[in-house]
Every structure is written in C-alpha cells, then in structure tokens.
N, C-alpha and C. Protein backbone atom coordinates (compact mmCIF):
# COMPACT_ATOMS: atom_id res chain seq x y z
N MET A 1 0.82 -1.20 0.00
CA MET A 1 0.01 0.02 0.00
C MET A 1 0.86 1.26 0.01
N LYS A 2 2.05 1.15 0.61
CA LYS A 2 2.94 2.34 0.61
C LYS A 2 3.36 2.76 -0.79
N ILE A 3 3.56 1.75 -1.65
CA ILE A 3 4.00 2.06 -3.02
C ILE A 3 2.89 2.79 -3.77
N ILE A 4 1.64 2.35 -3.58
CA ILE A 4 0.51 2.98 -4.25
C ILE A 4 0.37 4.41 -3.70
N ARG A 5 0.51 4.59 -2.40
CA ARG A 5 0.40 5.91 -1.81
C ARG A 5 1.45 6.85 -2.35
N ALA A 6 2.70 6.39 -2.40
CA ALA A 6 3.77 7.21 -2.94
C ALA A 6 3.60 7.52 -4.44
N ALA A 7 3.15 6.54 -5.19
CA ALA A 7 2.92 6.72 -6.61
C ALA A 7 1.82 7.75 -6.85
N LEU A 8 0.72 7.67 -6.12
CA LEU A 8 -0.34 8.62 -6.25
C LEU A 8 0.10 10.04 -5.88
N LEU A 9 0.93 10.12 -4.88
CA LEU A 9 1.44 11.45 -4.44
C LEU A 9 2.34 12.05 -5.53
N VAL A 10 3.20 11.27 -6.08
CA VAL A 10 4.12 11.74 -7.12
C VAL A 10 3.34 12.13 -8.39
N ILE A 11 2.38 11.30 -8.74
CA ILE A 11 1.58 11.60 -9.92
C ILE A 11 0.74 12.87 -9.68
N GLY A 12 0.24 12.99 -8.48
CA GLY A 12 -0.54 14.22 -8.14
C GLY A 12 0.30 15.47 -8.19
N VAL A 13 1.50 15.43 -7.65
CA VAL A 13 2.36 16.61 -7.70
C VAL A 13 2.72 16.93 -9.12
N LEU A 14 3.06 15.94 -9.92
CA LEU A 14 3.40 16.21 -11.33
C LEU A 14 2.24 16.74 -12.12
N ALA A 15 1.05 16.24 -11.80
CA ALA A 15 -0.16 16.76 -12.47
C ALA A 15 -0.42 18.20 -12.14
N VAL A 16 -0.21 18.54 -10.86
CA VAL A 16 -0.49 19.98 -10.45
C VAL A 16 0.53 20.87 -11.12
N VAL A 17 1.80 20.53 -11.11
CA VAL A 17 2.82 21.38 -11.75
C VAL A 17 2.55 21.49 -13.26
N THR A 18 2.29 20.41 -13.91
CA THR A 18 1.99 20.42 -15.35
C THR A 18 0.74 21.25 -15.65
N GLY A 19 -0.29 21.08 -14.83
CA GLY A 19 -1.53 21.84 -15.02
C GLY A 19 -1.29 23.32 -14.84
N LEU A 20 -0.47 23.72 -13.87
CA LEU A 20 -0.17 25.13 -13.68
C LEU A 20 0.62 25.71 -14.84
N VAL A 21 1.54 24.93 -15.41
CA VAL A 21 2.26 25.40 -16.57
C VAL A 21 1.30 25.59 -17.76
N TRP A 22 0.43 24.59 -17.97
CA TRP A 22 -0.54 24.73 -19.04
C TRP A 22 -1.44 25.93 -18.84
N LEU A 23 -1.86 26.14 -17.61
CA LEU A 23 -2.70 27.29 -17.28
C LEU A 23 -1.94 28.59 -17.60
N GLY A 24 -0.68 28.66 -17.19
CA GLY A 24 0.09 29.85 -17.45
C GLY A 24 0.36 30.12 -18.91
N GLN A 25 0.60 29.05 -19.69
CA GLN A 25 0.80 29.21 -21.11
C GLN A 25 -0.49 29.55 -21.82
N GLY A 26 -1.55 28.93 -21.42
CA GLY A 26 -2.85 29.14 -22.08
C GLY A 26 -3.37 30.53 -21.87
N THR A 27 -3.04 31.15 -20.71
CA THR A 27 -3.47 32.52 -20.45
C THR A 27 -2.45 33.56 -20.92
N GLY A 28 -1.27 33.11 -21.27
CA GLY A 28 -0.26 34.02 -21.74
C GLY A 28 0.68 34.57 -20.66
N TYR A 29 0.49 34.12 -19.40
CA TYR A 29 1.33 34.59 -18.29
C TYR A 29 2.68 33.87 -18.24
N PHE A 30 2.81 32.74 -18.93
CA PHE A 30 4.06 31.99 -18.97
C PHE A 30 4.37 31.68 -20.41
N PRO A 31 4.84 32.68 -21.16
CA PRO A 31 5.07 32.50 -22.59
C PRO A 31 6.43 31.87 -22.92
N TYR A 32 6.64 30.65 -22.42
CA TYR A 32 7.89 29.98 -22.65
C TYR A 32 7.61 28.57 -23.18
N PRO A 33 8.23 28.08 -24.15
CA PRO A 33 9.07 28.80 -25.12
C PRO A 33 8.24 29.65 -26.05
N ARG A 34 8.83 30.63 -26.59
CA ARG A 34 8.09 31.61 -27.43
C ARG A 34 7.41 30.98 -28.63
N THR A 35 7.90 29.87 -29.05
CA THR A 35 7.34 29.22 -30.25
C THR A 35 6.26 28.18 -29.90
N SER A 36 5.85 28.16 -28.62
CA SER A 36 4.85 27.14 -28.19
C SER A 36 3.49 27.44 -28.80
N PHE A 37 2.84 26.41 -29.24
CA PHE A 37 1.47 26.55 -29.81
C PHE A 37 0.41 26.76 -28.73
N MET A 38 0.81 26.68 -27.44
CA MET A 38 -0.16 26.78 -26.36
C MET A 38 -0.35 28.21 -25.86
N ILE A 39 0.53 29.12 -26.23
CA ILE A 39 0.48 30.47 -25.68
C ILE A 39 -0.76 31.20 -26.17
N ASP A 40 -1.43 31.81 -25.18
CA ASP A 40 -2.69 32.56 -25.43
C ASP A 40 -3.79 31.69 -26.12
N GLN A 41 -3.87 30.45 -25.72
CA GLN A 41 -4.90 29.57 -26.24
C GLN A 41 -5.72 29.07 -25.04
N MET A 42 -6.91 29.64 -24.84
CA MET A 42 -7.71 29.35 -23.64
C MET A 42 -8.06 27.90 -23.47
N PRO A 43 -8.19 27.05 -24.53
CA PRO A 43 -8.46 25.63 -24.27
C PRO A 43 -7.39 24.96 -23.41
N TRP A 44 -6.12 25.46 -23.60
CA TRP A 44 -5.04 24.87 -22.77
C TRP A 44 -5.14 25.35 -21.34
N ALA A 45 -5.62 26.56 -21.11
CA ALA A 45 -5.84 27.05 -19.76
C ALA A 45 -6.90 26.19 -19.07
N TYR A 46 -7.99 25.86 -19.77
CA TYR A 46 -9.04 25.06 -19.17
C TYR A 46 -8.51 23.63 -18.89
N ARG A 47 -7.73 23.10 -19.81
CA ARG A 47 -7.19 21.78 -19.56
C ARG A 47 -6.22 21.79 -18.38
N GLY A 48 -5.47 22.86 -18.26
CA GLY A 48 -4.56 23.04 -17.12
C GLY A 48 -5.30 23.04 -15.79
N ILE A 49 -6.42 23.74 -15.77
CA ILE A 49 -7.24 23.80 -14.54
C ILE A 49 -7.69 22.39 -14.16
N VAL A 50 -8.22 21.67 -15.15
CA VAL A 50 -8.75 20.35 -14.93
C VAL A 50 -7.60 19.43 -14.42
N LEU A 51 -6.45 19.48 -15.07
CA LEU A 51 -5.34 18.64 -14.67
C LEU A 51 -4.83 19.00 -13.27
N ALA A 52 -4.76 20.28 -12.96
CA ALA A 52 -4.29 20.69 -11.63
C ALA A 52 -5.28 20.21 -10.53
N VAL A 53 -6.57 20.31 -10.81
CA VAL A 53 -7.60 19.82 -9.84
C VAL A 53 -7.50 18.33 -9.68
N ALA A 54 -7.29 17.61 -10.80
CA ALA A 54 -7.15 16.17 -10.72
C ALA A 54 -5.91 15.78 -9.91
N GLY A 55 -4.86 16.57 -10.03
CA GLY A 55 -3.67 16.33 -9.27
C GLY A 55 -3.88 16.56 -7.76
N VAL A 56 -4.62 17.57 -7.42
CA VAL A 56 -4.94 17.83 -6.02
C VAL A 56 -5.76 16.68 -5.47
N VAL A 57 -6.76 16.19 -6.27
CA VAL A 57 -7.56 15.07 -5.82
C VAL A 57 -6.69 13.83 -5.62
N ALA A 58 -5.75 13.57 -6.53
CA ALA A 58 -4.89 12.45 -6.40
C ALA A 58 -4.00 12.55 -5.11
N MET A 59 -3.52 13.75 -4.83
CA MET A 59 -2.76 13.93 -3.60
C MET A 59 -3.60 13.74 -2.36
N PHE A 60 -4.86 14.19 -2.41
CA PHE A 60 -5.78 14.02 -1.27
C PHE A 60 -6.03 12.52 -1.08
N VAL A 61 -6.29 11.82 -2.17
CA VAL A 61 -6.55 10.38 -2.05
C VAL A 61 -5.34 9.61 -1.53
N SER A 62 -4.15 10.05 -1.96
CA SER A 62 -2.94 9.40 -1.49
C SER A 62 -2.74 9.58 0.04
N ARG A 63 -3.25 10.63 0.60
CA ARG A 63 -3.16 10.84 2.06
C ARG A 63 -4.19 10.07 2.81
N ARG A 64 -5.29 9.72 2.14
CA ARG A 64 -6.39 9.02 2.80
C ARG A 64 -6.28 7.50 2.78
N ILE A 65 -5.47 6.95 1.90
CA ILE A 65 -5.35 5.47 1.86
C ILE A 65 -4.16 5.00 2.64
C-alpha cells in the first residue's frame, strides 16, 4: 500500500505542476518557449485547470489510503 500511496502522491504533484504550466501558457502569463502553440490559447488554460484539480484530488486520495 505504501507504493501505491507514494505513486499517487508523485503523480498528483506532477499533475499539479503540469496543469499550472498549461494554465500559465494558455493565459499568456508563462510565454515559454516563445514558439509554443499553447500560448494565449484558452483551451489549454481550461485543460490546465482540470489537470491541476485532478492532481490535487490524487494527492488528497494518497493521504487518505
């Protein structure tokens, strides 16, 4: 069970970080790299929010099991 808990926690943290990067790029607040197709594209901001929330849920679940 410890392995599952640790894996969920790592996946959750990575999902939150990735989601925040997508949110930043989608809104234009994190325009790196300049040639990215995600910059100022709101669908990526929405996907980032969903991914970050899913990561928080995964971290919460990892603490409960």
